Amino acid sequence: MGEIKVSSHNLGRLLADSTDTSARSYQAVFSELAESHRGRPVTKIVVLLRRAADEALLGLAAAGLVEQAEAIRTGERYVLRIRVT
């Protein structure tokens, strides 16, 4: 399980919002990768997660991205605790 801090102003960049069609949220990218990248190498998944985090302007730590990529690779459930500041 991971934990990140997100400003309330940037929460929309993290979570899916069906009313915003201008950009995909990090949550949407993670969900897509969880479906399409099970069993693939962690290193390839991390690159895609980093790109999504950077596009969403989220400062996710490398260790957290590796942890998420491992969950995607194995198909295990991943819980991300979000602290809104």
Protein backbone atom coordinates (compact mmCIF):
# COMPACT_ATOMS: atom_id res chain seq x y z
CA MET A 1 0.00 0.00 0.00
CA GLY A 2 1.29 3.43 -0.90
CA GLU A 3 0.52 6.91 0.28
CA ILE A 4 0.74 10.26 -1.46
CA LYS A 5 -0.13 13.83 -0.58
CA VAL A 6 -2.13 15.79 -3.13
CA SER A 7 -3.30 19.37 -2.99
CA SER A 8 -7.07 19.70 -3.17
CA HIS A 9 -6.50 21.82 -6.29
CA ASN A 10 -4.77 18.88 -8.02
CA LEU A 11 -7.06 16.07 -6.91
CA GLY A 12 -8.71 15.94 -10.34
CA ARG A 13 -5.37 15.03 -11.92
CA LEU A 14 -5.27 11.91 -9.79
CA LEU A 15 -8.86 10.68 -9.83
CA ALA A 16 -11.08 9.83 -12.76
CA ASP A 17 -13.71 12.45 -13.54
CA SER A 18 -16.20 11.52 -16.21
CA THR A 19 -17.04 15.19 -16.81
CA ASP A 20 -13.48 16.14 -17.79
CA THR A 21 -12.57 14.92 -21.26
CA SER A 22 -9.48 17.10 -21.71
CA ALA A 23 -7.00 14.72 -20.10
CA ARG A 24 -6.84 11.24 -18.63
CA SER A 25 -6.36 11.04 -14.89
CA TYR A 26 -3.62 8.99 -13.28
CA GLN A 27 -6.32 6.67 -11.95
CA ALA A 28 -7.58 6.01 -15.49
CA VAL A 29 -4.08 5.23 -16.76
CA PHE A 30 -3.40 2.92 -13.82
CA SER A 31 -6.66 1.04 -14.47
CA GLU A 32 -5.84 0.64 -18.16
CA LEU A 33 -2.35 -0.65 -17.37
CA ALA A 34 -3.75 -3.07 -14.78
CA GLU A 35 -5.88 -4.63 -17.51
CA SER A 36 -3.34 -4.60 -20.34
CA HIS A 37 0.07 -5.10 -18.72
CA ARG A 38 -0.33 -8.02 -16.32
CA GLY A 39 2.73 -10.23 -16.55
CA ARG A 40 4.87 -7.64 -18.32
CA PRO A 41 8.22 -6.49 -16.91
CA VAL A 42 8.08 -4.01 -14.04
CA THR A 43 10.60 -1.75 -15.79
CA LYS A 44 8.27 -1.27 -18.76
CA ILE A 45 5.27 -0.56 -16.54
CA VAL A 46 7.20 1.96 -14.41
CA VAL A 47 8.03 4.01 -17.51
CA LEU A 48 4.33 4.27 -18.36
CA LEU A 49 3.34 5.09 -14.78
CA ARG A 50 6.05 7.78 -14.57
CA ARG A 51 4.82 9.37 -17.79
CA ALA A 52 1.23 9.39 -16.49
CA ALA A 53 2.33 10.85 -13.13
CA ASP A 54 4.38 13.54 -14.85
CA GLU A 55 1.52 14.45 -17.20
CA ALA A 56 -0.82 14.71 -14.21
CA LEU A 57 1.80 16.83 -12.40
CA LEU A 58 1.87 14.38 -9.49
CA GLY A 59 5.14 14.03 -7.63
CA LEU A 60 5.05 10.29 -7.14
CA ALA A 61 8.24 8.75 -5.72
CA ALA A 62 10.14 6.17 -7.75
CA ALA A 63 9.72 3.54 -5.03
CA GLY A 64 5.95 4.01 -5.09
CA LEU A 65 5.85 3.63 -8.85
CA VAL A 66 7.84 0.39 -8.64
CA GLU A 67 5.44 -0.88 -5.98
CA GLN A 68 2.46 -0.05 -8.20
CA ALA A 69 4.12 -1.63 -11.24
CA GLU A 70 4.73 -4.83 -9.29
CA ALA A 71 1.06 -4.97 -8.35
CA ILE A 72 0.09 -4.50 -11.99
CA ARG A 73 2.56 -7.19 -13.10
CA THR A 74 1.24 -9.75 -10.63
CA GLY A 75 -2.42 -8.75 -10.82
CA GLU A 76 -2.57 -8.08 -7.11
CA ARG A 77 -4.82 -5.40 -5.68
CA TYR A 78 -3.05 -2.12 -4.94
CA VAL A 79 -4.30 0.38 -2.38
CA LEU A 80 -3.13 3.97 -2.57
CA ARG A 81 -3.85 6.13 0.45
CA ILE A 82 -4.40 9.75 -0.61
CA ARG A 83 -3.86 12.58 1.83
CA VAL A 84 -5.50 15.77 0.55
CA THR A 85 -3.79 18.93 1.73
